[in-house]
Amino acid sequence: MLFDSPVLAPPEEVRQEWIDFNGHLNMAYYNVLFDHAVDHLFGQLGCGADYVERRKMSFFTAEAHVRYVRELHAEDMTSCTLQVVNNDAKRIHLYQELLHADGWLSATSETLLLHIDMTIRKVTAFPDDIRQKIEVLAAAHRSLPQPTTIGRGIALKPQQP
């Protein structure tokens, strides 16, 4: 498994039922697209959809920060990239970019994911095989440029006169 660039999830089309009364993708569905990309990554790492059933472990999102950069509309094709920003024995810090098929940036997401033992619903360390795969991915991603918006908070900036 080589990860010398951000992981690219399969393309996905914006569905008509995801469009809000403003005529663009509803904010909740940006998270759906980001989540589908995380599911793709976890599948590659061996902790995908069947992980809960097989190993009684899963991931919970502890925190997420989405930046909406440019509107998406029904039938737009998108792709999502994922980059591991940081990790430890129980957590993964991800950065994602949602891109329009034409290449422009639509949104970003920064997420902190916790590894959970579902039998007791508590944070727990990754099993060795999963931890090793995450480490390989994280090591490869350390050579990538750090996104400039990582750790960015929400604040009103003084307006220019």
Protein backbone atom coordinates (compact mmCIF):
# COMPACT_ATOMS: atom_id res chain seq x y z
CA MET A 1 0.00 0.00 0.00
CA LEU A 2 1.70 3.22 -1.20
CA PHE A 3 0.49 6.57 0.14
CA ASP A 4 2.89 9.15 -1.28
CA SER A 5 0.00 11.54 -1.88
CA PRO A 6 -3.35 12.15 -0.20
CA VAL A 7 -5.72 9.20 -0.49
CA LEU A 8 -8.27 9.77 -3.26
CA ALA A 9 -11.76 8.41 -2.63
CA PRO A 10 -13.97 7.30 -5.54
CA PRO A 11 -15.91 10.07 -7.33
CA GLU A 12 -19.42 10.77 -6.13
CA GLU A 13 -22.31 12.68 -7.69
CA VAL A 14 -24.28 15.32 -5.78
CA ARG A 15 -27.83 13.96 -5.53
CA GLN A 16 -30.88 16.09 -6.20
CA GLU A 17 -32.38 15.20 -2.80
CA TRP A 18 -29.33 16.77 -1.12
CA ILE A 19 -30.11 20.22 -2.55
CA ASP A 20 -31.59 22.79 -0.16
CA PHE A 21 -33.95 25.71 -0.72
CA ASN A 22 -30.98 27.89 -1.75
CA GLY A 23 -30.46 25.66 -4.76
CA HIS A 24 -27.11 24.25 -3.64
CA LEU A 25 -25.78 21.31 -1.66
CA ASN A 26 -27.13 21.42 1.89
CA MET A 27 -24.37 21.76 4.47
CA ALA A 28 -25.20 18.40 6.08
CA TYR A 29 -24.43 16.56 2.86
CA TYR A 30 -20.93 17.96 2.62
CA ASN A 31 -20.36 15.88 5.75
CA VAL A 32 -21.93 12.87 4.04
CA LEU A 33 -19.46 13.19 1.17
CA PHE A 34 -16.55 13.58 3.60
CA ASP A 35 -17.79 10.58 5.60
CA HIS A 36 -18.04 8.39 2.49
CA ALA A 37 -14.40 9.22 1.77
CA VAL A 38 -13.40 8.23 5.33
CA ASP A 39 -15.28 4.96 4.85
CA HIS A 40 -13.20 4.37 1.71
CA LEU A 41 -9.96 5.02 3.62
CA PHE A 42 -10.98 2.74 6.48
CA GLY A 43 -11.79 0.01 3.98
CA GLN A 44 -8.23 0.28 2.65
CA LEU A 45 -6.85 0.11 6.18
CA GLY A 46 -8.85 -3.01 7.10
CA CYS A 47 -11.23 -1.27 9.48
CA GLY A 48 -14.17 -0.66 7.16
CA ALA A 49 -17.86 -1.47 7.38
CA ASP A 50 -17.40 -5.00 8.75
CA TYR A 51 -14.94 -3.90 11.46
CA VAL A 52 -17.68 -3.49 14.09
CA GLU A 53 -19.05 -6.96 13.49
CA ARG A 54 -15.69 -8.74 13.09
CA ARG A 55 -13.69 -7.02 15.81
CA LYS A 56 -16.23 -5.12 17.89
CA MET A 57 -14.37 -1.87 17.25
CA SER A 58 -15.19 1.31 15.36
CA PHE A 59 -14.47 5.03 15.11
CA PHE A 60 -16.37 8.00 16.52
CA THR A 61 -15.89 11.58 15.42
CA ALA A 62 -14.83 13.72 18.36
CA GLU A 63 -14.59 17.01 16.48
CA ALA A 64 -14.99 18.32 12.95
CA HIS A 65 -14.44 21.68 11.29
CA VAL A 66 -15.86 22.17 7.81
CA ARG A 67 -15.04 25.15 5.60
CA TYR A 68 -17.48 25.79 2.78
CA VAL A 69 -15.47 27.37 -0.02
CA ARG A 70 -17.60 27.12 -3.17
CA GLU A 71 -21.13 25.87 -3.89
CA LEU A 72 -21.95 22.48 -5.33
CA HIS A 73 -25.15 21.77 -7.27
CA ALA A 74 -27.21 18.74 -8.25
CA GLU A 75 -25.40 16.32 -10.55
CA ASP A 76 -21.97 17.89 -9.90
CA MET A 77 -19.32 15.20 -9.76
CA THR A 78 -16.97 15.40 -6.79
CA SER A 79 -13.91 13.67 -5.44
CA CYS A 80 -12.43 13.81 -1.97
CA THR A 81 -8.84 13.58 -0.81
CA LEU A 82 -7.75 12.53 2.69
CA GLN A 83 -4.51 13.28 4.49
CA VAL A 84 -3.42 12.09 7.92
CA VAL A 85 -2.24 15.18 9.79
CA ASN A 86 -1.41 13.44 13.04
CA ASN A 87 -2.14 10.26 14.96
CA ASP A 88 -1.41 8.40 18.14
CA ALA A 89 -2.35 5.01 19.60
CA LYS A 90 -6.08 5.84 19.78
CA ARG A 91 -6.76 8.83 17.50
CA ILE A 92 -6.45 10.00 13.91
CA HIS A 93 -6.45 13.66 12.87
CA LEU A 94 -7.56 13.92 9.21
CA TYR A 95 -7.67 16.74 6.68
CA GLN A 96 -9.93 16.37 3.65
CA GLU A 97 -10.59 18.38 0.52
CA LEU A 98 -13.80 18.06 -1.48
CA LEU A 99 -13.12 18.86 -5.11
CA HIS A 100 -15.41 19.48 -8.05
CA ALA A 101 -14.69 17.29 -11.10
CA ASP A 102 -13.26 20.41 -12.79
CA GLY A 103 -10.59 20.53 -10.06
CA TRP A 104 -11.70 23.48 -7.96
CA LEU A 105 -11.98 23.30 -4.17
CA SER A 106 -15.51 23.17 -2.80
CA ALA A 107 -14.91 22.46 0.90
CA THR A 108 -12.41 21.25 3.47
CA SER A 109 -12.88 19.19 6.60
CA GLU A 110 -10.57 18.73 9.54
CA THR A 111 -11.63 15.84 11.78
CA LEU A 112 -10.47 14.12 14.94
CA LEU A 113 -11.50 10.46 15.03
CA LEU A 114 -11.40 8.25 18.13
CA HIS A 115 -10.94 4.48 18.02
CA ILE A 116 -13.70 2.83 20.07
CA ASP A 117 -14.13 -0.56 21.72
CA MET A 118 -17.81 -1.09 20.96
CA THR A 119 -18.33 -3.66 23.75
CA ILE A 120 -17.73 -0.96 26.36
CA ARG A 121 -18.08 2.13 24.11
CA LYS A 122 -14.79 3.60 25.30
CA VAL A 123 -11.74 4.92 23.49
CA THR A 124 -9.16 2.18 23.03
CA ALA A 125 -5.85 1.59 21.27
CA PHE A 126 -5.79 0.35 17.69
CA PRO A 127 -5.07 -3.36 17.23
CA ASP A 128 -1.45 -3.85 16.13
CA ASP A 129 -2.30 -4.68 12.50
CA ILE A 130 -4.46 -1.55 12.10
CA ARG A 131 -1.97 0.64 13.98
CA GLN A 132 0.81 -0.49 11.64
CA LYS A 133 -1.21 0.41 8.54
CA ILE A 134 -2.11 3.81 10.01
CA GLU A 135 1.57 4.40 10.82
CA VAL A 136 2.60 3.61 7.23
CA LEU A 137 -0.01 6.05 5.95
CA ALA A 138 0.88 8.73 8.50
CA ALA A 139 4.61 8.42 7.77
CA ALA A 140 3.97 8.86 4.05
CA HIS A 141 1.72 11.86 4.67
CA ARG A 142 4.29 13.60 6.89
CA SER A 143 6.22 14.38 3.71
CA LEU A 144 3.22 16.20 2.23
CA PRO A 145 2.77 19.94 2.67
CA GLN A 146 0.76 20.78 5.79
CA PRO A 147 -2.59 22.34 4.89
CA THR A 148 -2.56 26.02 5.88
CA THR A 149 -6.02 25.84 7.48
CA ILE A 150 -5.22 23.10 10.02
CA GLY A 151 -6.20 24.21 13.52
CA ARG A 152 -8.03 27.23 12.22
CA GLY A 153 -10.81 28.47 14.47
CA ILE A 154 -13.91 30.51 13.81
CA ALA A 155 -13.67 34.23 14.51
CA LEU A 156 -14.92 37.51 13.14
CA LYS A 157 -12.07 39.48 11.62
CA PRO A 158 -12.19 43.27 11.78
CA GLN A 159 -13.65 44.67 8.58
CA GLN A 160 -11.57 46.99 6.47
CA PRO A 161 -13.05 50.50 6.10
